[in-house]
Amino acid sequence: MKTITIAIDGYSSTGKSTLAKQLAKHLGYVYVDTGAMYRAITFFAMQNGHIAQVYFDKETLINSLSSIQLHFEFNADLGFAEMYLNTTNVEKEIRTIEVSNFVSKIAEVSEVRSKLVEQQQEMGKNKGIVMDGRDIGTVVFPEAELKIFMTASPETRAQRRFDELEAKGDNVSYEEVLKNVQERDYIDTHREDSPLVIADDAIEIDNSYLTREEQFKVVLELVEELINS
């Protein structure tokens, strides 16, 4: 049985991380949530006054990148790795709607992308990894044996995200979440550096009407076909 690299790309709130975690746990692979890495840098920028509703001090953020250390630590109680920013666990802080509102702008910055892509490629150099994000199959691991591209309607994704935030006690409206989803889609697909696109050899999955279990079964069959061939 061979070891492979699994790249999962797609739009925001399509359940990429959920699927990636399921696969990694089932296969005994390493899971890397690249979105958490971009969110952590976004949180850093917000905390240090580099970005707000009315401005974005891009150059100061770029000059601060060398002082940003990111790493994941596995939480046995939760069953997945949490994001740490300069030794501080920021897993909860990076999942807010406020961070979501800025993360696509941060991800547009070429210097940010370069720093994180280098780290991601190092994490996956020995394969046996499941990584999800926006450019995994096109930039980070263009030679990945399996590339999945996940999509769903903006309304479906917004409802899922709204339900998730509401369950956490966040005070948000569905309209606010839908607007955020649509704005992120536009920025992600129109940025100059590594825009969100479907790799030529990716398998597209629209999960608008799939349960998590149905989706996992579909992708696991693709994985098993590859590793057993």
C-alpha atoms as a PDB file:
ATOM      1  CA  MET A   1       0.000   0.000   0.000  1.00  0.00           C
ATOM      2  CA  LYS A   2       1.616   3.236  -1.109  1.00  0.00           C
ATOM      3  CA  THR A   3       1.574   6.591   0.697  1.00  0.00           C
ATOM      4  CA  ILE A   4       0.176   9.585  -1.187  1.00  0.00           C
ATOM      5  CA  THR A   5      -0.407  13.323  -0.923  1.00  0.00           C
ATOM      6  CA  ILE A   6      -4.047  14.448  -0.835  1.00  0.00           C
ATOM      7  CA  ALA A   7      -4.753  18.067  -1.812  1.00  0.00           C
ATOM      8  CA  ILE A   8      -8.206  19.482  -1.051  1.00  0.00           C
ATOM      9  CA  ASP A   9      -9.057  22.900  -2.476  1.00  0.00           C
ATOM     10  CA  GLY A  10     -12.294  24.818  -2.798  1.00  0.00           C
ATOM     11  CA  TYR A  11     -14.405  27.762  -1.780  1.00  0.00           C
ATOM     12  CA  SER A  12     -14.855  28.924   1.804  1.00  0.00           C
ATOM     13  CA  SER A  13     -17.253  26.963   4.018  1.00  0.00           C
ATOM     14  CA  THR A  14     -17.424  23.906   1.769  1.00  0.00           C
ATOM     15  CA  GLY A  15     -16.319  21.595   4.568  1.00  0.00           C
ATOM     16  CA  LYS A  16     -12.760  21.125   3.309  1.00  0.00           C
ATOM     17  CA  SER A  17     -11.302  20.886   6.796  1.00  0.00           C
ATOM     18  CA  THR A  18     -13.967  18.460   7.997  1.00  0.00           C
ATOM     19  CA  LEU A  19     -13.304  16.122   5.089  1.00  0.00           C
ATOM     20  CA  ALA A  20      -9.524  16.450   5.435  1.00  0.00           C
ATOM     21  CA  LYS A  21      -9.673  15.609   9.154  1.00  0.00           C
ATOM     22  CA  GLN A  22     -11.848  12.555   8.455  1.00  0.00           C
ATOM     23  CA  LEU A  23      -9.445  11.282   5.808  1.00  0.00           C
ATOM     24  CA  ALA A  24      -6.319  11.919   7.882  1.00  0.00           C
ATOM     25  CA  LYS A  25      -7.771  10.137  10.908  1.00  0.00           C
ATOM     26  CA  HIS A  26      -8.933   7.157   8.846  1.00  0.00           C
ATOM     27  CA  LEU A  27      -5.645   6.808   6.964  1.00  0.00           C
ATOM     28  CA  GLY A  28      -3.294   7.716   9.808  1.00  0.00           C
ATOM     29  CA  TYR A  29      -2.008  10.674   7.759  1.00  0.00           C
ATOM     30  CA  VAL A  30      -0.875  14.102   8.917  1.00  0.00           C
ATOM     31  CA  TYR A  31      -3.555  16.801   8.527  1.00  0.00           C
ATOM     32  CA  VAL A  32      -2.664  20.432   7.823  1.00  0.00           C
ATOM     33  CA  ASP A  33      -5.277  23.188   7.831  1.00  0.00           C
ATOM     34  CA  THR A  34      -3.600  25.881   5.717  1.00  0.00           C
ATOM     35  CA  GLY A  35      -6.576  28.184   6.217  1.00  0.00           C
ATOM     36  CA  ALA A  36      -5.703  28.309   9.917  1.00  0.00           C
ATOM     37  CA  MET A  37      -2.232  29.547   8.991  1.00  0.00           C
ATOM     38  CA  TYR A  38      -3.630  32.445   6.953  1.00  0.00           C
ATOM     39  CA  ARG A  39      -6.159  33.171   9.695  1.00  0.00           C
ATOM     40  CA  ALA A  40      -3.386  33.289  12.294  1.00  0.00           C
ATOM     41  CA  ILE A  41      -1.470  35.883  10.302  1.00  0.00           C
ATOM     42  CA  THR A  42      -4.723  37.816   9.851  1.00  0.00           C
ATOM     43  CA  PHE A  43      -5.298  37.743  13.608  1.00  0.00           C
ATOM     44  CA  PHE A  44      -1.730  38.979  14.149  1.00  0.00           C
ATOM     45  CA  ALA A  45      -2.349  41.843  11.697  1.00  0.00           C
ATOM     46  CA  MET A  46      -5.586  42.803  13.461  1.00  0.00           C
ATOM     47  CA  GLN A  47      -4.026  42.696  16.914  1.00  0.00           C
ATOM     48  CA  ASN A  48      -1.094  44.845  15.841  1.00  0.00           C
ATOM     49  CA  GLY A  49      -3.159  47.439  13.989  1.00  0.00           C
ATOM     50  CA  HIS A  50      -1.996  46.508  10.503  1.00  0.00           C
ATOM     51  CA  ILE A  51      -5.513  46.032   9.126  1.00  0.00           C
ATOM     52  CA  ALA A  52      -8.969  47.399   9.916  1.00  0.00           C
ATOM     53  CA  GLN A  53     -12.151  48.322   8.074  1.00  0.00           C
ATOM     54  CA  VAL A  54     -10.740  51.537   6.627  1.00  0.00           C
ATOM     55  CA  TYR A  55      -7.087  50.708   5.976  1.00  0.00           C
ATOM     56  CA  PHE A  56      -4.480  47.998   5.405  1.00  0.00           C
ATOM     57  CA  ASP A  57      -0.830  48.726   6.221  1.00  0.00           C
ATOM     58  CA  LYS A  58       0.554  46.002   3.980  1.00  0.00           C
ATOM     59  CA  GLU A  59       4.218  47.049   4.143  1.00  0.00           C
ATOM     60  CA  THR A  60       4.328  46.981   7.945  1.00  0.00           C
ATOM     61  CA  LEU A  61       2.800  43.513   7.946  1.00  0.00           C
ATOM     62  CA  ILE A  62       5.351  42.304   5.392  1.00  0.00           C
ATOM     63  CA  ASN A  63       8.173  43.697   7.522  1.00  0.00           C
ATOM     64  CA  SER A  64       6.728  41.862  10.543  1.00  0.00           C
ATOM     65  CA  LEU A  65       6.548  38.423   8.915  1.00  0.00           C
ATOM     66  CA  SER A  66       9.948  37.361  10.229  1.00  0.00           C
ATOM     67  CA  SER A  67       8.636  37.749  13.794  1.00  0.00           C
ATOM     68  CA  ILE A  68       5.628  35.477  13.184  1.00  0.00           C
ATOM     69  CA  GLN A  69       6.078  31.847  14.198  1.00  0.00           C
ATOM     70  CA  LEU A  70       3.300  29.377  13.409  1.00  0.00           C
ATOM     71  CA  HIS A  71       2.944  25.760  14.421  1.00  0.00           C
ATOM     72  CA  PHE A  72       0.302  23.120  15.101  1.00  0.00           C
ATOM     73  CA  GLU A  73      -0.003  21.143  18.329  1.00  0.00           C
ATOM     74  CA  PHE A  74      -2.153  18.025  18.504  1.00  0.00           C
ATOM     75  CA  ASN A  75      -4.921  18.176  21.128  1.00  0.00           C
ATOM     76  CA  ALA A  76      -5.706  14.598  22.135  1.00  0.00           C
ATOM     77  CA  ASP A  77      -8.991  15.619  23.800  1.00  0.00           C
ATOM     78  CA  LEU A  78     -10.274  17.265  20.619  1.00  0.00           C
ATOM     79  CA  GLY A  79      -8.677  14.805  18.217  1.00  0.00           C
ATOM     80  CA  PHE A  80      -7.027  17.402  15.992  1.00  0.00           C
ATOM     81  CA  ALA A  81      -4.120  19.855  15.932  1.00  0.00           C
ATOM     82  CA  GLU A  82      -4.664  23.436  17.054  1.00  0.00           C
ATOM     83  CA  MET A  83      -3.063  26.583  15.650  1.00  0.00           C
ATOM     84  CA  TYR A  84      -0.399  28.372  17.691  1.00  0.00           C
ATOM     85  CA  LEU A  85       0.822  31.901  16.973  1.00  0.00           C
ATOM     86  CA  ASN A  86       4.124  32.726  18.662  1.00  0.00           C
ATOM     87  CA  THR A  87       3.553  30.059  21.375  1.00  0.00           C
ATOM     88  CA  THR A  88      -0.072  31.140  22.016  1.00  0.00           C
ATOM     89  CA  ASN A  89      -3.041  28.913  21.175  1.00  0.00           C
ATOM     90  CA  VAL A  90      -5.258  31.033  18.895  1.00  0.00           C
ATOM     91  CA  GLU A  91      -7.555  28.282  17.605  1.00  0.00           C
ATOM     92  CA  LYS A  92     -10.699  29.962  18.972  1.00  0.00           C
ATOM     93  CA  GLU A  93      -9.706  33.531  18.095  1.00  0.00           C
ATOM     94  CA  ILE A  94      -9.000  32.800  14.416  1.00  0.00           C
ATOM     95  CA  ARG A  95     -12.458  31.303  13.747  1.00  0.00           C
ATOM     96  CA  THR A  96     -14.458  34.509  14.252  1.00  0.00           C
ATOM     97  CA  ILE A  97     -16.395  36.394  11.567  1.00  0.00           C
ATOM     98  CA  GLU A  98     -14.072  39.365  12.168  1.00  0.00           C
ATOM     99  CA  VAL A  99     -11.053  37.328  11.068  1.00  0.00           C
ATOM    100  CA  SER A 100     -13.077  35.906   8.170  1.00  0.00           C
ATOM    101  CA  ASN A 101     -13.765  39.445   6.971  1.00  0.00           C
ATOM    102  CA  PHE A 102     -10.033  40.148   6.493  1.00  0.00           C
ATOM    103  CA  VAL A 103      -8.398  36.804   5.750  1.00  0.00           C
ATOM    104  CA  SER A 104      -8.799  36.932   1.960  1.00  0.00           C
ATOM    105  CA  LYS A 105      -7.110  40.352   1.861  1.00  0.00           C
ATOM    106  CA  ILE A 106      -4.187  39.015   3.870  1.00  0.00           C
ATOM    107  CA  ALA A 107      -3.988  35.952   1.622  1.00  0.00           C
ATOM    108  CA  GLU A 108      -3.594  38.234  -1.418  1.00  0.00           C
ATOM    109  CA  VAL A 109      -0.175  39.391  -0.196  1.00  0.00           C
ATOM    110  CA  SER A 110       2.529  37.560  -2.159  1.00  0.00           C
ATOM    111  CA  GLU A 111       5.046  37.710   0.686  1.00  0.00           C
ATOM    112  CA  VAL A 112       2.550  36.057   3.043  1.00  0.00           C
ATOM    113  CA  ARG A 113       1.782  33.336   0.517  1.00  0.00           C
ATOM    114  CA  SER A 114       5.472  32.708  -0.138  1.00  0.00           C
ATOM    115  CA  LYS A 115       6.231  32.306   3.583  1.00  0.00           C
ATOM    116  CA  LEU A 116       3.362  29.887   4.147  1.00  0.00           C
ATOM    117  CA  VAL A 117       3.754  27.842   0.953  1.00  0.00           C
ATOM    118  CA  GLU A 118       7.383  27.170   1.878  1.00  0.00           C
ATOM    119  CA  GLN A 119       6.310  25.916   5.314  1.00  0.00           C
ATOM    120  CA  GLN A 120       3.516  23.793   3.838  1.00  0.00           C
ATOM    121  CA  GLN A 121       5.801  22.138   1.296  1.00  0.00           C
ATOM    122  CA  GLU A 122       8.255  21.283   4.061  1.00  0.00           C
ATOM    123  CA  MET A 123       5.436  19.699   6.104  1.00  0.00           C
ATOM    124  CA  GLY A 124       4.452  17.464   3.208  1.00  0.00           C
ATOM    125  CA  LYS A 125       7.818  16.475   1.774  1.00  0.00           C
ATOM    126  CA  ASN A 126       7.458  12.873   2.993  1.00  0.00           C
ATOM    127  CA  LYS A 127       3.862  12.459   1.762  1.00  0.00           C
ATOM    128  CA  GLY A 128       1.263  10.761   3.960  1.00  0.00           C
ATOM    129  CA  ILE A 129      -0.463  14.122   4.316  1.00  0.00           C
ATOM    130  CA  VAL A 130      -3.895  15.631   3.776  1.00  0.00           C
ATOM    131  CA  MET A 131      -3.807  19.384   3.229  1.00  0.00           C
ATOM    132  CA  ASP A 132      -6.697  21.713   2.497  1.00  0.00           C
ATOM    133  CA  GLY A 133      -6.764  25.291   1.282  1.00  0.00           C
ATOM    134  CA  ARG A 134      -7.083  27.380  -1.874  1.00  0.00           C
ATOM    135  CA  ASP A 135      -3.920  26.545  -3.834  1.00  0.00           C
ATOM    136  CA  ILE A 136      -2.798  23.150  -2.578  1.00  0.00           C
ATOM    137  CA  GLY A 137      -3.270  21.241  -5.825  1.00  0.00           C
ATOM    138  CA  THR A 138      -2.101  24.107  -8.038  1.00  0.00           C
ATOM    139  CA  VAL A 139       0.841  25.639  -6.136  1.00  0.00           C
ATOM    140  CA  VAL A 140       1.788  23.804  -2.928  1.00  0.00           C
ATOM    141  CA  PHE A 141       1.605  20.237  -4.250  1.00  0.00           C
ATOM    142  CA  PRO A 142       1.010  20.330  -8.022  1.00  0.00           C
ATOM    143  CA  GLU A 143       2.212  16.697  -8.182  1.00  0.00           C
ATOM    144  CA  ALA A 144      -0.254  15.445  -5.543  1.00  0.00           C
ATOM    145  CA  GLU A 145      -1.637  12.021  -6.408  1.00  0.00           C
ATOM    146  CA  LEU A 146      -5.193  13.037  -5.496  1.00  0.00           C
ATOM    147  CA  LYS A 147      -6.652  16.507  -5.920  1.00  0.00           C
ATOM    148  CA  ILE A 148     -10.174  17.320  -4.790  1.00  0.00           C
ATOM    149  CA  PHE A 149     -11.953  20.606  -5.509  1.00  0.00           C
ATOM    150  CA  MET A 150     -14.990  21.245  -3.331  1.00  0.00           C
ATOM    151  CA  THR A 151     -17.840  23.580  -4.113  1.00  0.00           C
ATOM    152  CA  ALA A 152     -21.429  24.366  -3.094  1.00  0.00           C
ATOM    153  CA  SER A 153     -23.801  27.266  -3.656  1.00  0.00           C
ATOM    154  CA  PRO A 154     -22.990  30.496  -1.753  1.00  0.00           C
ATOM    155  CA  GLU A 155     -26.348  30.278   0.032  1.00  0.00           C
ATOM    156  CA  THR A 156     -25.697  26.723   1.208  1.00  0.00           C
ATOM    157  CA  ARG A 157     -22.218  27.616   2.423  1.00  0.00           C
ATOM    158  CA  ALA A 158     -23.441  30.739   4.194  1.00  0.00           C
ATOM    159  CA  GLN A 159     -26.134  28.756   6.014  1.00  0.00           C
ATOM    160  CA  ARG A 160     -23.589  26.193   7.160  1.00  0.00           C
ATOM    161  CA  ARG A 161     -21.220  28.886   8.372  1.00  0.00           C
ATOM    162  CA  PHE A 162     -24.047  30.801  10.080  1.00  0.00           C
ATOM    163  CA  ASP A 163     -25.201  27.665  11.922  1.00  0.00           C
ATOM    164  CA  GLU A 164     -21.629  26.979  13.018  1.00  0.00           C
ATOM    165  CA  LEU A 165     -21.075  30.512  14.338  1.00  0.00           C
ATOM    166  CA  GLU A 166     -24.482  30.611  16.026  1.00  0.00           C
ATOM    167  CA  ALA A 167     -23.716  27.314  17.798  1.00  0.00           C
ATOM    168  CA  LYS A 168     -20.554  28.936  19.178  1.00  0.00           C
ATOM    169  CA  GLY A 169     -22.586  31.848  20.513  1.00  0.00           C
ATOM    170  CA  ASP A 170     -21.395  34.439  17.999  1.00  0.00           C
ATOM    171  CA  ASN A 171     -23.845  37.273  17.360  1.00  0.00           C
ATOM    172  CA  VAL A 172     -24.046  37.340  13.554  1.00  0.00           C
ATOM    173  CA  SER A 173     -26.788  37.482  10.931  1.00  0.00           C
ATOM    174  CA  TYR A 174     -27.218  35.169   7.948  1.00  0.00           C
ATOM    175  CA  GLU A 175     -27.028  38.205   5.640  1.00  0.00           C
ATOM    176  CA  GLU A 176     -23.671  39.218   7.121  1.00  0.00           C
ATOM    177  CA  VAL A 177     -22.288  35.705   6.655  1.00  0.00           C
ATOM    178  CA  LEU A 178     -23.595  35.452   3.070  1.00  0.00           C
ATOM    179  CA  LYS A 179     -21.973  38.780   2.214  1.00  0.00           C
ATOM    180  CA  ASN A 180     -18.687  37.550   3.695  1.00  0.00           C
ATOM    181  CA  VAL A 181     -18.845  34.315   1.665  1.00  0.00           C
ATOM    182  CA  GLN A 182     -19.514  36.193  -1.583  1.00  0.00           C
ATOM    183  CA  GLU A 183     -16.767  38.760  -0.948  1.00  0.00           C
ATOM    184  CA  ARG A 184     -14.237  36.048  -0.107  1.00  0.00           C
ATOM    185  CA  ASP A 185     -15.181  34.127  -3.253  1.00  0.00           C
ATOM    186  CA  TYR A 186     -14.502  37.196  -5.369  1.00  0.00           C
ATOM    187  CA  ILE A 187     -11.175  38.032  -3.739  1.00  0.00           C
ATOM    188  CA  ASP A 188      -9.981  34.415  -3.730  1.00  0.00           C
ATOM    189  CA  THR A 189     -10.721  33.920  -7.429  1.00  0.00           C
ATOM    190  CA  HIS A 190      -9.457  37.316  -8.627  1.00  0.00           C
ATOM    191  CA  ARG A 191      -6.179  37.799  -6.741  1.00  0.00           C
ATOM    192  CA  GLU A 192      -3.029  38.019  -8.862  1.00  0.00           C
ATOM    193  CA  ASP A 193      -0.956  35.575  -6.820  1.00  0.00           C
ATOM    194  CA  SER A 194      -2.234  31.965  -6.798  1.00  0.00           C
ATOM    195  CA  PRO A 195      -5.942  32.605  -7.364  1.00  0.00           C
ATOM    196  CA  LEU A 196      -8.452  29.921  -6.473  1.00  0.00           C
ATOM    197  CA  VAL A 197      -8.832  27.767  -9.601  1.00  0.00           C
ATOM    198  CA  ILE A 198      -9.579  24.122 -10.286  1.00  0.00           C
ATOM    199  CA  ALA A 199      -6.446  22.157 -11.155  1.00  0.00           C
ATOM    200  CA  ASP A 200      -6.686  20.430 -14.530  1.00  0.00           C
ATOM    201  CA  ASP A 201      -6.468  17.013 -12.904  1.00  0.00           C
ATOM    202  CA  ALA A 202      -8.670  17.748  -9.867  1.00  0.00           C
ATOM    203  CA  ILE A 203     -11.944  15.958  -9.199  1.00  0.00           C
ATOM    204  CA  GLU A 204     -14.711  18.464  -8.527  1.00  0.00           C
ATOM    205  CA  ILE A 205     -17.299  17.618  -5.872  1.00  0.00           C
ATOM    206  CA  ASP A 206     -20.412  19.751  -5.356  1.00  0.00           C
ATOM    207  CA  ASN A 207     -21.537  18.879  -1.840  1.00  0.00           C
ATOM    208  CA  SER A 208     -24.607  21.140  -1.726  1.00  0.00           C
ATOM    209  CA  TYR A 209     -26.801  18.083  -1.191  1.00  0.00           C
ATOM    210  CA  LEU A 210     -24.322  15.632   0.337  1.00  0.00           C
ATOM    211  CA  THR A 211     -24.053  14.767   4.020  1.00  0.00           C
ATOM    212  CA  ARG A 212     -20.612  14.642   5.613  1.00  0.00           C
ATOM    213  CA  GLU A 213     -20.789  10.863   5.651  1.00  0.00           C
ATOM    214  CA  GLU A 214     -21.774  10.637   1.967  1.00  0.00           C
ATOM    215  CA  GLN A 215     -18.995  13.005   0.983  1.00  0.00           C
ATOM    216  CA  PHE A 216     -16.412  11.084   3.006  1.00  0.00           C
ATOM    217  CA  LYS A 217     -17.470   7.794   1.416  1.00  0.00           C
ATOM    218  CA  VAL A 218     -17.135   9.213  -2.117  1.00  0.00           C
ATOM    219  CA  VAL A 219     -13.632  10.578  -1.518  1.00  0.00           C
ATOM    220  CA  LEU A 220     -12.419   7.581   0.492  1.00  0.00           C
ATOM    221  CA  GLU A 221     -13.242   5.322  -2.455  1.00  0.00           C
ATOM    222  CA  LEU A 222     -11.044   7.529  -4.657  1.00  0.00           C
ATOM    223  CA  VAL A 223      -8.217   7.365  -2.109  1.00  0.00           C
ATOM    224  CA  GLU A 224      -8.390   3.603  -1.702  1.00  0.00           C
ATOM    225  CA  GLU A 225      -8.351   3.102  -5.449  1.00  0.00           C
ATOM    226  CA  LEU A 226      -5.109   5.070  -5.639  1.00  0.00           C
ATOM    227  CA  ILE A 227      -3.253   3.591  -2.672  1.00  0.00           C
ATOM    228  CA  ASN A 228      -4.177   0.034  -3.585  1.00  0.00           C
ATOM    229  CA  SER A 229      -3.282   0.321  -7.277  1.00  0.00           C
END
